[in-house]
Every structure is written in structure tokens, then in C-alpha cells.
Protein backbone atom coordinates (compact mmCIF):
# COMPACT_ATOMS: atom_id res chain seq x y z
CA MET A 1 31.61 -69.49 -37.93
CA GLY A 2 33.11 -72.61 -39.74
CA LEU A 3 32.97 -73.80 -42.92
CA LEU A 4 29.82 -75.28 -43.03
CA ASP A 5 28.45 -71.64 -42.54
CA PHE A 6 29.95 -70.96 -45.72
CA ILE A 7 29.00 -74.19 -47.46
CA SER A 8 25.19 -73.44 -46.55
CA PRO A 9 24.80 -69.64 -46.46
CA GLY A 10 21.77 -67.83 -45.06
CA LYS A 11 20.80 -70.91 -42.81
CA LYS A 12 20.54 -69.43 -39.55
CA ASN A 13 18.05 -71.77 -37.06
CA ARG A 14 19.04 -75.29 -36.50
CA ASP A 15 15.81 -76.40 -37.94
CA GLN A 16 17.21 -75.25 -41.53
CA GLN A 17 20.44 -76.64 -40.61
CA LEU A 18 19.20 -80.07 -40.26
CA ASN A 19 17.24 -80.19 -43.23
CA SER A 20 20.45 -78.75 -45.41
CA THR A 21 23.09 -80.00 -47.33
CA GLN A 22 25.24 -79.73 -44.69
CA THR A 23 23.93 -82.76 -42.69
CA HIS A 24 24.87 -84.99 -45.67
CA LEU A 25 28.17 -83.75 -45.33
CA ARG A 26 31.05 -85.89 -43.55
CA ILE A 27 33.07 -82.49 -42.44
CA ALA A 28 32.26 -81.38 -38.74
CA GLU A 29 34.78 -78.49 -38.77
CA ILE A 30 38.39 -77.07 -40.03
CA ARG A 31 40.61 -75.90 -37.24
CA GLU A 32 44.27 -75.34 -36.99
CA ASN A 33 44.62 -76.16 -40.98
CA VAL A 34 43.39 -79.73 -40.91
CA VAL A 35 39.69 -81.00 -41.28
CA VAL A 36 37.70 -82.53 -38.57
CA LEU A 37 35.00 -85.28 -40.11
CA LYS A 38 32.37 -85.91 -37.81
CA ASN A 39 33.25 -90.00 -36.80
CA GLY A 40 36.52 -87.91 -35.15
CA GLY A 41 38.91 -88.80 -38.58
CA MET A 42 41.62 -86.14 -39.62
CA ARG A 43 42.42 -84.74 -42.66
CA ALA A 44 45.38 -82.53 -43.86
CA VAL A 45 45.61 -81.37 -47.40
CA LEU A 46 48.90 -80.79 -49.41
CA LYS A 47 48.83 -78.81 -52.54
CA THR A 48 51.54 -80.08 -54.95
CA SER A 49 53.05 -78.26 -58.06
CA SER A 50 53.11 -80.50 -61.41
CA ILE A 51 56.24 -81.83 -63.80
CA ASN A 52 56.16 -81.55 -67.42
CA PHE A 53 57.34 -85.53 -67.49
CA ASN A 54 57.73 -85.29 -71.26
CA LEU A 55 60.31 -82.20 -71.37
CA LYS A 56 62.91 -83.99 -69.08
CA SER A 57 65.16 -86.34 -70.40
CA GLU A 58 65.63 -89.83 -70.24
CA GLU A 59 68.11 -89.92 -67.02
CA GLU A 60 65.53 -87.12 -65.76
CA GLN A 61 62.63 -89.42 -66.31
CA ASN A 62 63.96 -92.49 -64.79
CA SER A 63 65.15 -90.46 -61.79
CA ILE A 64 61.88 -89.32 -60.95
CA VAL A 65 60.26 -92.74 -61.57
CA TYR A 66 62.38 -94.29 -59.57
CA SER A 67 62.05 -91.46 -56.59
CA TYR A 68 58.24 -91.83 -56.75
CA GLN A 69 58.44 -95.84 -56.68
CA ASN A 70 60.73 -95.30 -53.55
CA PHE A 71 58.22 -93.19 -52.25
CA LEU A 72 55.13 -95.28 -52.61
CA ASN A 73 56.86 -98.01 -51.46
CA SER A 74 57.82 -96.24 -47.86
CA LEU A 75 54.03 -95.34 -47.12
CA GLU A 76 52.93 -97.15 -44.42
CA PHE A 77 49.29 -95.73 -44.41
CA PRO A 78 46.60 -94.84 -47.10
CA ILE A 79 46.94 -91.50 -48.25
CA GLN A 80 44.85 -89.92 -51.42
CA ILE A 81 45.36 -88.48 -54.73
CA LEU A 82 43.12 -85.61 -56.32
CA VAL A 83 43.60 -84.05 -59.43
CA ARG A 84 40.96 -81.51 -59.87
CA SER A 85 39.98 -79.83 -62.77
CA LYS A 86 38.21 -76.15 -62.92
CA LYS A 87 37.66 -73.34 -64.79
CA LEU A 88 40.45 -70.81 -64.73
CA ASP A 89 39.55 -67.84 -62.40
CA ILE A 90 42.01 -64.82 -63.04
CA ASP A 91 39.50 -62.08 -61.84
CA ASN A 92 42.22 -60.87 -59.29
CA TYR A 93 44.57 -60.52 -62.12
CA ILE A 94 41.90 -58.83 -64.12
CA GLU A 95 41.13 -56.17 -60.71
CA GLY A 96 44.85 -55.46 -60.56
CA VAL A 97 45.33 -54.68 -64.64
CA LYS A 98 41.81 -52.07 -63.85
CA LYS A 99 44.04 -50.89 -61.10
CA LEU A 100 47.33 -50.19 -62.97
CA GLY A 101 44.83 -48.57 -65.41
CA GLU A 102 43.44 -46.32 -63.33
CA LYS A 103 46.78 -44.69 -62.15
CA GLN A 104 47.98 -44.36 -65.83
CA GLN A 105 48.41 -40.54 -66.37
CA ASN A 106 48.64 -41.10 -70.37
CA LYS A 107 45.07 -41.44 -71.37
CA LEU A 108 45.68 -43.32 -74.30
CA LEU A 109 47.75 -46.03 -72.10
CA GLN A 110 44.87 -45.95 -69.73
CA GLU A 111 42.15 -46.85 -72.82
CA GLN A 112 44.35 -49.57 -73.93
CA THR A 113 44.94 -50.93 -70.34
CA PHE A 114 41.32 -51.32 -69.92
CA GLU A 115 40.87 -52.87 -72.87
CA TYR A 116 43.42 -55.28 -72.64
CA ALA A 117 41.46 -56.15 -69.11
CA GLN A 118 38.56 -56.47 -70.92
CA TYR A 119 39.98 -58.82 -73.42
CA ILE A 120 41.99 -61.18 -71.32
CA LYS A 121 38.35 -61.70 -69.28
CA ARG A 122 36.41 -62.05 -72.52
CA LEU A 123 38.91 -64.96 -73.91
CA VAL A 124 39.11 -67.07 -70.75
CA GLU A 125 34.67 -66.63 -70.88
CA TYR A 126 34.54 -67.53 -74.38
CA ALA A 127 37.55 -70.07 -74.84
CA ASP A 128 36.62 -72.00 -71.62
CA ILE A 129 40.04 -72.23 -70.50
CA MET A 130 40.45 -74.79 -67.79
CA GLU A 131 43.37 -75.36 -64.86
CA LYS A 132 44.54 -78.34 -62.97
CA GLU A 133 45.19 -78.13 -59.45
CA PHE A 134 47.20 -81.44 -57.08
CA TYR A 135 46.29 -82.34 -53.84
CA VAL A 136 47.22 -85.18 -51.72
CA ILE A 137 45.00 -85.91 -48.82
CA VAL A 138 46.82 -87.19 -45.59
CA GLN A 139 44.38 -89.30 -43.44
CA ILE A 140 44.70 -90.58 -39.62
CA ASP A 141 41.15 -92.01 -37.83
CA PRO A 142 40.58 -92.47 -34.27
CA THR A 143 40.87 -96.57 -33.12
CA ARG A 144 37.29 -96.42 -31.92
CA SER A 145 36.17 -94.99 -35.05
CA GLN A 146 37.69 -97.71 -37.51
CA SER A 147 35.95 -100.06 -34.92
CA GLY A 148 32.96 -98.24 -35.20
CA GLU A 149 32.30 -97.84 -31.33
CA SER A 150 30.94 -94.53 -29.71
CA THR A 151 31.22 -93.01 -33.32
CA LYS A 152 28.03 -90.91 -32.51
CA LYS A 153 28.62 -90.19 -28.79
CA PHE A 154 31.70 -88.56 -29.12
CA PHE A 155 31.85 -86.97 -32.68
CA SER A 156 28.50 -85.97 -34.14
CA PHE A 157 28.71 -82.84 -35.67
CA PHE A 158 25.54 -81.33 -34.04
CA GLN A 159 26.57 -82.71 -30.34
CA ARG A 160 29.43 -80.63 -30.97
CA LEU A 161 27.49 -77.59 -31.34
CA ALA A 162 24.79 -78.64 -28.30
CA PRO A 163 24.82 -76.60 -25.27
CA LYS A 164 24.81 -79.46 -23.44
CA ASP A 165 28.54 -79.93 -23.95
CA SER A 166 30.27 -79.70 -20.36
CA TYR A 167 34.07 -78.43 -19.72
CA ALA A 168 35.13 -82.19 -19.21
CA ASP A 169 33.87 -82.74 -22.44
CA ILE A 170 35.56 -80.60 -24.52
CA LYS A 171 38.76 -80.81 -22.39
CA THR A 172 38.37 -84.29 -23.59
CA ARG A 173 37.85 -83.95 -27.16
CA ARG A 174 40.84 -81.48 -27.01
CA SER A 175 43.08 -83.80 -26.04
CA GLU A 176 42.06 -86.65 -28.31
CA PHE A 177 42.50 -83.31 -31.13
CA ASN A 178 46.02 -83.24 -30.00
CA ASN A 179 46.71 -86.10 -29.93
CA LEU A 180 45.55 -87.05 -33.41
CA LYS A 181 46.93 -84.11 -34.77
CA LYS A 182 50.40 -84.54 -33.63
CA ASP A 183 50.76 -87.88 -35.08
CA LEU A 184 48.89 -86.61 -38.45
CA THR A 185 51.57 -83.97 -38.78
CA GLN A 186 54.29 -86.54 -38.87
CA ARG A 187 52.47 -88.35 -41.64
CA VAL A 188 52.55 -85.36 -43.13
CA ASN A 189 56.17 -84.38 -42.87
CA VAL A 190 56.79 -87.88 -44.29
CA ILE A 191 54.49 -87.34 -47.30
CA GLN A 192 55.95 -84.10 -48.04
CA SER A 193 59.61 -85.30 -47.68
CA GLY A 194 59.01 -88.24 -50.14
CA LEU A 195 57.32 -85.85 -52.50
CA GLU A 196 59.88 -83.06 -52.39
CA ASN A 197 62.31 -85.91 -53.18
CA CYS A 198 60.41 -86.50 -56.33
CA GLY A 199 61.25 -82.75 -57.43
CA LEU A 200 57.82 -81.45 -56.78
CA LYS A 201 56.68 -78.69 -54.55
CA VAL A 202 54.68 -79.19 -51.77
CA GLU A 203 52.73 -77.22 -49.29
CA GLN A 204 50.01 -77.74 -46.39
CA MET A 205 47.12 -75.90 -47.00
CA ASN A 206 45.77 -73.54 -43.86
CA THR A 207 42.93 -73.28 -42.50
CA THR A 208 41.57 -70.05 -44.78
CA ASP A 209 42.70 -72.19 -47.85
CA LEU A 210 40.62 -75.39 -46.71
CA ILE A 211 37.23 -73.01 -46.25
CA GLU A 212 37.89 -71.48 -49.92
CA LEU A 213 38.46 -75.20 -51.45
CA PHE A 214 35.45 -76.45 -50.13
CA TYR A 215 33.53 -73.47 -50.91
CA GLU A 216 34.22 -73.62 -54.44
CA SER A 217 34.13 -77.65 -54.47
CA TYR A 218 30.65 -77.31 -53.64
CA ASN A 219 29.38 -73.69 -54.92
CA PRO A 220 31.45 -74.48 -58.29
CA LEU A 221 28.60 -71.46 -59.86
CA THR A 222 28.19 -69.47 -56.89
CA SER A 223 31.66 -68.95 -56.13
CA ARG A 224 32.50 -67.36 -59.49
CA SER A 225 30.57 -64.47 -58.38
CA GLN A 226 30.34 -64.60 -54.89
CA LYS A 227 33.69 -64.62 -53.55
CA LEU A 228 34.83 -65.19 -49.65
CA LYS A 229 36.52 -62.43 -48.55
CA ASP A 230 38.56 -61.41 -45.49
CA LEU A 231 38.58 -64.93 -44.12
CA LYS A 232 41.23 -64.21 -42.29
CA ASN A 233 39.31 -61.78 -40.02
CA THR A 234 36.73 -63.76 -39.41
CA THR A 235 36.70 -65.19 -35.66
CA ILE A 236 35.93 -69.16 -35.41
CA ALA A 237 35.54 -69.89 -31.63
CA SER A 238 37.94 -72.66 -30.67
CA ASP A 239 37.50 -75.23 -27.92
CA GLU A 240 39.47 -73.59 -24.85
CA GLU A 241 37.11 -70.40 -25.60
CA ASP A 242 34.23 -72.20 -25.28
CA ALA A 243 35.52 -74.26 -22.36
CA LYS A 244 36.15 -70.87 -20.42
CA GLU A 245 33.03 -69.65 -21.12
CA GLU A 246 31.41 -73.06 -19.59
CA LYS A 247 33.48 -72.69 -16.71
CA ALA A 248 32.55 -68.95 -16.60
CA ALA A 249 28.87 -70.34 -16.63
């Protein structure tokens, strides 16, 4: 099961999938903490902290600007910087407060705990409180993808799912994936080091985080009421497993 199963839930047969939203997305799959595009390109997503620049002293501000300038000048490849605004989601916090209330032995404290949870929930709903998240997207594309050659032949999403994939096809695709990921990891390390020198906390998003990110991005309203649960226990077949099945057959 992959990302697109979560983006377009309920579409089980191929005809429905061909007419669904996923046919218009550039994403083929998410695996091993990277996003794989239909043209064979790969993207890593880094989530960063923020800095309250105005609260810094003039010396600290100059240091941050100088570090960021050096970071940008050192880049030898393109990156994307994304600022995402979304409605504050404190559902997990509210659930935690309710669980504390259930454990309270004192009846009065229990009632006050439940009332506090309801108050916070209504406050967020009525005030429409927003939060900002900051991401850096690190990219790499295969040479033939940039030249436009053989894109459909090797990297069509639906060809990836086609049963005609041979063991040799899977092995070739896996080899290219490993080579591209190695280069992408080097770029991620450069970006992470540069941003940390600016005083930011940087963390690469894993597969689970990426699935949740795209699910929430493409389903902003649905994701508020229908949370993705137990993603860590979701089984995602790898190329190696597919290759073993193909070889055994």
C-alpha cells in the first residue's frame, strides 16, 4: 500500500484509478524516506524550525544573515523552500487531557479537566488559529529525465504496477533508485549542515511523515475528521519482495 491509496481512498479497481485524482499527481510512490516522481526524479523533504529574528540582537541578526548568505552561495543544485499555513491541530493534546481527566480520582478535578478540554477545543475552532510549518525540498533527477528520453518507458506509475514487470526490470529500477538516493543523501547532508549553521533545527521527514503530509495537503478538510492511524504498522511491499515473487513464479 502506498501514498496514493491514502490520497484517493476507496478506489479499488484499475478503471477507477485511471479516472481518479492520482493520475494527475506527479508522485509515483513514497519509499525509504523519499518521494519518487513518475519521471524517475526523487525528492527529500526536510522540516525546519523557525527563528524569531526580531528578538535577536543586532550582532545575532548579522550573524544569521551572514550564515544564510554563505549557505545560499554554497549551493550547487536547486532547492525549494515551502512555508505551509494550516489550521492548528491540537486533537492529540485534547485527547491526552481527556485521558488525564478519566484517571482523576477527585470528581471536581475531573469535571474541571473535561471542561478545560472542551474550552480549548472551542477556542481553536472559533478563533481559527493558524500555524506555520517550514520545509526545504531537496531534489535530484536522472539525466534521461532531464533530456526527456525514455521517461514513459521506465517511469510511468501504472507501468510500475503492471504485472508484466520482469525480474530484470525490477533489478534495474532498484539499481538506479539506489544510485540516485545516494546522491540525494549527499545533497540532504549539505542542506542540513548549512541550515543548522544558521541556528535552525533540521530533520528529514520519514516515509510515515511524508504520507501524512501529502494526505493532509490534498485532503485539508477530510484529514481533520479522518486521521491516518497505525501507518507504522502498514505493510508496504518493496521491489525486493516483488522480485522474489516474480522469480519464484
